[in-house]
Amino acid sequence: MKVSKKQIKMAIFISIFVGTILTIINQGEAIFGDPKINWFKVILTYIVPFCVSLYSSSVAQTDTK
């Protein structure tokens, strides 16, 4: 399974977009209020969409061949 630069760039874009939305949803009170931000959860919130996007685009590319 080969991953192209285009797939990596798209996965980064998706992880930034989706990760930001999910971080605001999940950590909104901490961002805009008093509680502390859970940085471990924030990092995972960006890593998971990146991995899912990269994996799914790789599988889709393999399926079309």
N, C-alpha and C. Protein backbone atom coordinates (compact mmCIF):
# COMPACT_ATOMS: atom_id res chain seq x y z
N MET A 1 0.84 -1.16 0.00
CA MET A 1 0.00 0.00 0.00
C MET A 1 0.89 1.24 0.00
N LYS A 2 0.87 1.99 -1.09
CA LYS A 2 1.70 3.17 -1.23
C LYS A 2 0.88 4.42 -0.95
N VAL A 3 1.48 5.35 -0.23
CA VAL A 3 0.81 6.60 0.11
C VAL A 3 1.50 7.73 -0.64
N SER A 4 0.71 8.55 -1.33
CA SER A 4 1.26 9.65 -2.10
C SER A 4 1.31 10.93 -1.26
N LYS A 5 2.08 11.90 -1.76
CA LYS A 5 2.15 13.20 -1.09
C LYS A 5 0.80 13.88 -1.09
N LYS A 6 0.04 13.69 -2.17
CA LYS A 6 -1.29 14.30 -2.26
C LYS A 6 -2.21 13.74 -1.17
N GLN A 7 -2.13 12.44 -0.92
CA GLN A 7 -2.95 11.83 0.13
C GLN A 7 -2.55 12.37 1.51
N ILE A 8 -1.27 12.55 1.74
CA ILE A 8 -0.80 13.07 3.02
C ILE A 8 -1.27 14.52 3.21
N LYS A 9 -1.16 15.33 2.16
CA LYS A 9 -1.61 16.72 2.24
C LYS A 9 -3.10 16.79 2.53
N MET A 10 -3.88 15.95 1.86
CA MET A 10 -5.33 15.95 2.08
C MET A 10 -5.65 15.47 3.49
N ALA A 11 -4.94 14.47 3.98
CA ALA A 11 -5.16 13.97 5.34
C ALA A 11 -4.83 15.05 6.38
N ILE A 12 -3.78 15.82 6.12
CA ILE A 12 -3.43 16.92 7.03
C ILE A 12 -4.53 17.97 7.04
N PHE A 13 -5.01 18.35 5.85
CA PHE A 13 -6.09 19.33 5.76
C PHE A 13 -7.33 18.85 6.50
N ILE A 14 -7.71 17.60 6.27
CA ILE A 14 -8.90 17.04 6.92
C ILE A 14 -8.71 16.99 8.43
N SER A 15 -7.53 16.59 8.88
CA SER A 15 -7.30 16.51 10.33
C SER A 15 -7.35 17.88 10.98
N ILE A 16 -6.84 18.90 10.30
CA ILE A 16 -6.91 20.26 10.86
C ILE A 16 -8.36 20.73 10.92
N PHE A 17 -9.10 20.52 9.85
CA PHE A 17 -10.49 20.97 9.79
C PHE A 17 -11.35 20.21 10.80
N VAL A 18 -11.35 18.90 10.73
CA VAL A 18 -12.18 18.08 11.62
C VAL A 18 -11.68 18.18 13.07
N GLY A 19 -10.38 18.14 13.25
CA GLY A 19 -9.82 18.22 14.60
C GLY A 19 -10.17 19.51 15.31
N THR A 20 -10.16 20.61 14.58
CA THR A 20 -10.51 21.90 15.17
C THR A 20 -11.97 21.93 15.60
N ILE A 21 -12.85 21.44 14.73
CA ILE A 21 -14.27 21.40 15.07
C ILE A 21 -14.50 20.52 16.30
N LEU A 22 -13.90 19.33 16.30
CA LEU A 22 -14.09 18.42 17.43
C LEU A 22 -13.46 18.96 18.71
N THR A 23 -12.34 19.65 18.61
CA THR A 23 -11.71 20.23 19.79
C THR A 23 -12.60 21.30 20.39
N ILE A 24 -13.20 22.13 19.55
CA ILE A 24 -14.10 23.16 20.06
C ILE A 24 -15.31 22.52 20.72
N ILE A 25 -15.84 21.47 20.11
CA ILE A 25 -16.98 20.77 20.71
C ILE A 25 -16.60 20.13 22.04
N ASN A 26 -15.49 19.41 22.06
CA ASN A 26 -15.12 18.63 23.25
C ASN A 26 -14.40 19.42 24.33
N GLN A 27 -13.66 20.44 23.95
CA GLN A 27 -12.87 21.20 24.91
C GLN A 27 -13.33 22.67 24.99
N GLY A 28 -14.51 22.96 24.47
CA GLY A 28 -15.01 24.33 24.42
C GLY A 28 -15.03 25.02 25.76
N GLU A 29 -15.49 24.31 26.78
CA GLU A 29 -15.54 24.90 28.11
C GLU A 29 -14.14 25.26 28.61
N ALA A 30 -13.18 24.42 28.31
CA ALA A 30 -11.81 24.68 28.75
C ALA A 30 -11.19 25.81 27.94
N ILE A 31 -11.52 25.90 26.66
CA ILE A 31 -10.95 26.95 25.81
C ILE A 31 -11.52 28.31 26.20
N PHE A 32 -12.83 28.35 26.43
CA PHE A 32 -13.49 29.63 26.68
C PHE A 32 -13.83 29.87 28.15
N GLY A 33 -13.43 28.96 29.03
CA GLY A 33 -13.78 29.10 30.43
C GLY A 33 -12.64 28.78 31.37
N ASP A 34 -13.01 28.27 32.53
CA ASP A 34 -12.05 28.03 33.60
C ASP A 34 -11.35 26.67 33.58
N PRO A 35 -12.02 25.58 33.20
CA PRO A 35 -11.34 24.27 33.31
C PRO A 35 -10.07 24.20 32.47
N LYS A 36 -9.19 23.28 32.86
CA LYS A 36 -7.93 23.11 32.13
C LYS A 36 -8.17 22.29 30.86
N ILE A 37 -7.41 22.60 29.84
CA ILE A 37 -7.48 21.86 28.58
C ILE A 37 -6.76 20.52 28.76
N ASN A 38 -7.38 19.46 28.29
CA ASN A 38 -6.76 18.14 28.32
C ASN A 38 -5.99 17.98 27.00
N TRP A 39 -4.70 18.26 27.04
CA TRP A 39 -3.89 18.28 25.81
C TRP A 39 -3.76 16.91 25.16
N PHE A 40 -3.79 15.85 25.95
CA PHE A 40 -3.74 14.51 25.40
C PHE A 40 -4.94 14.27 24.48
N LYS A 41 -6.12 14.66 24.95
CA LYS A 41 -7.33 14.50 24.15
C LYS A 41 -7.30 15.39 22.90
N VAL A 42 -6.75 16.58 23.04
CA VAL A 42 -6.65 17.49 21.89
C VAL A 42 -5.75 16.88 20.81
N ILE A 43 -4.63 16.35 21.22
CA ILE A 43 -3.70 15.74 20.26
C ILE A 43 -4.36 14.54 19.57
N LEU A 44 -5.03 13.70 20.33
CA LEU A 44 -5.74 12.56 19.74
C LEU A 44 -6.84 13.01 18.79
N THR A 45 -7.47 14.14 19.10
CA THR A 45 -8.54 14.66 18.27
C THR A 45 -8.03 15.05 16.88
N TYR A 46 -6.76 15.38 16.77
CA TYR A 46 -6.17 15.69 15.46
C TYR A 46 -5.56 14.45 14.81
N ILE A 47 -5.01 13.56 15.60
CA ILE A 47 -4.36 12.36 15.04
C ILE A 47 -5.37 11.39 14.43
N VAL A 48 -6.49 11.19 15.10
CA VAL A 48 -7.47 10.21 14.63
C VAL A 48 -8.01 10.55 13.24
N PRO A 49 -8.47 11.77 12.96
CA PRO A 49 -8.95 12.06 11.60
C PRO A 49 -7.84 11.93 10.54
N PHE A 50 -6.61 12.26 10.92
CA PHE A 50 -5.50 12.11 9.99
C PHE A 50 -5.33 10.64 9.61
N CYS A 51 -5.30 9.77 10.60
CA CYS A 51 -5.11 8.34 10.35
C CYS A 51 -6.27 7.75 9.56
N VAL A 52 -7.48 8.12 9.92
CA VAL A 52 -8.66 7.59 9.22
C VAL A 52 -8.66 8.05 7.77
N SER A 53 -8.36 9.31 7.54
CA SER A 53 -8.35 9.84 6.18
C SER A 53 -7.26 9.18 5.33
N LEU A 54 -6.08 9.07 5.89
CA LEU A 54 -4.97 8.46 5.15
C LEU A 54 -5.24 6.99 4.86
N TYR A 55 -5.75 6.29 5.84
CA TYR A 55 -6.05 4.87 5.65
C TYR A 55 -7.15 4.68 4.61
N SER A 56 -8.22 5.45 4.72
CA SER A 56 -9.34 5.26 3.79
C SER A 56 -8.96 5.63 2.36
N SER A 57 -8.15 6.67 2.19
CA SER A 57 -7.71 7.01 0.82
C SER A 57 -6.76 5.96 0.26
N SER A 58 -5.95 5.36 1.12
CA SER A 58 -5.05 4.29 0.66
C SER A 58 -5.83 3.06 0.24
N VAL A 59 -6.83 2.69 1.03
CA VAL A 59 -7.65 1.54 0.70
C VAL A 59 -8.45 1.80 -0.57
N ALA A 60 -8.99 3.00 -0.71
CA ALA A 60 -9.76 3.34 -1.91
C ALA A 60 -8.86 3.29 -3.15
N GLN A 61 -7.63 3.74 -3.02
CA GLN A 61 -6.70 3.69 -4.16
C GLN A 61 -6.39 2.24 -4.51
N THR A 62 -6.21 1.40 -3.52
CA THR A 62 -5.92 -0.03 -3.76
C THR A 62 -7.11 -0.73 -4.39
N ASP A 63 -8.32 -0.38 -3.98
CA ASP A 63 -9.53 -1.01 -4.52
C ASP A 63 -9.79 -0.67 -5.97
N THR A 64 -9.31 0.49 -6.43
CA THR A 64 -9.56 0.89 -7.81
C THR A 64 -8.58 0.26 -8.79
N LYS A 65 -7.55 -0.37 -8.27
CA LYS A 65 -6.54 -0.98 -9.16
C LYS A 65 -6.88 -2.41 -9.47
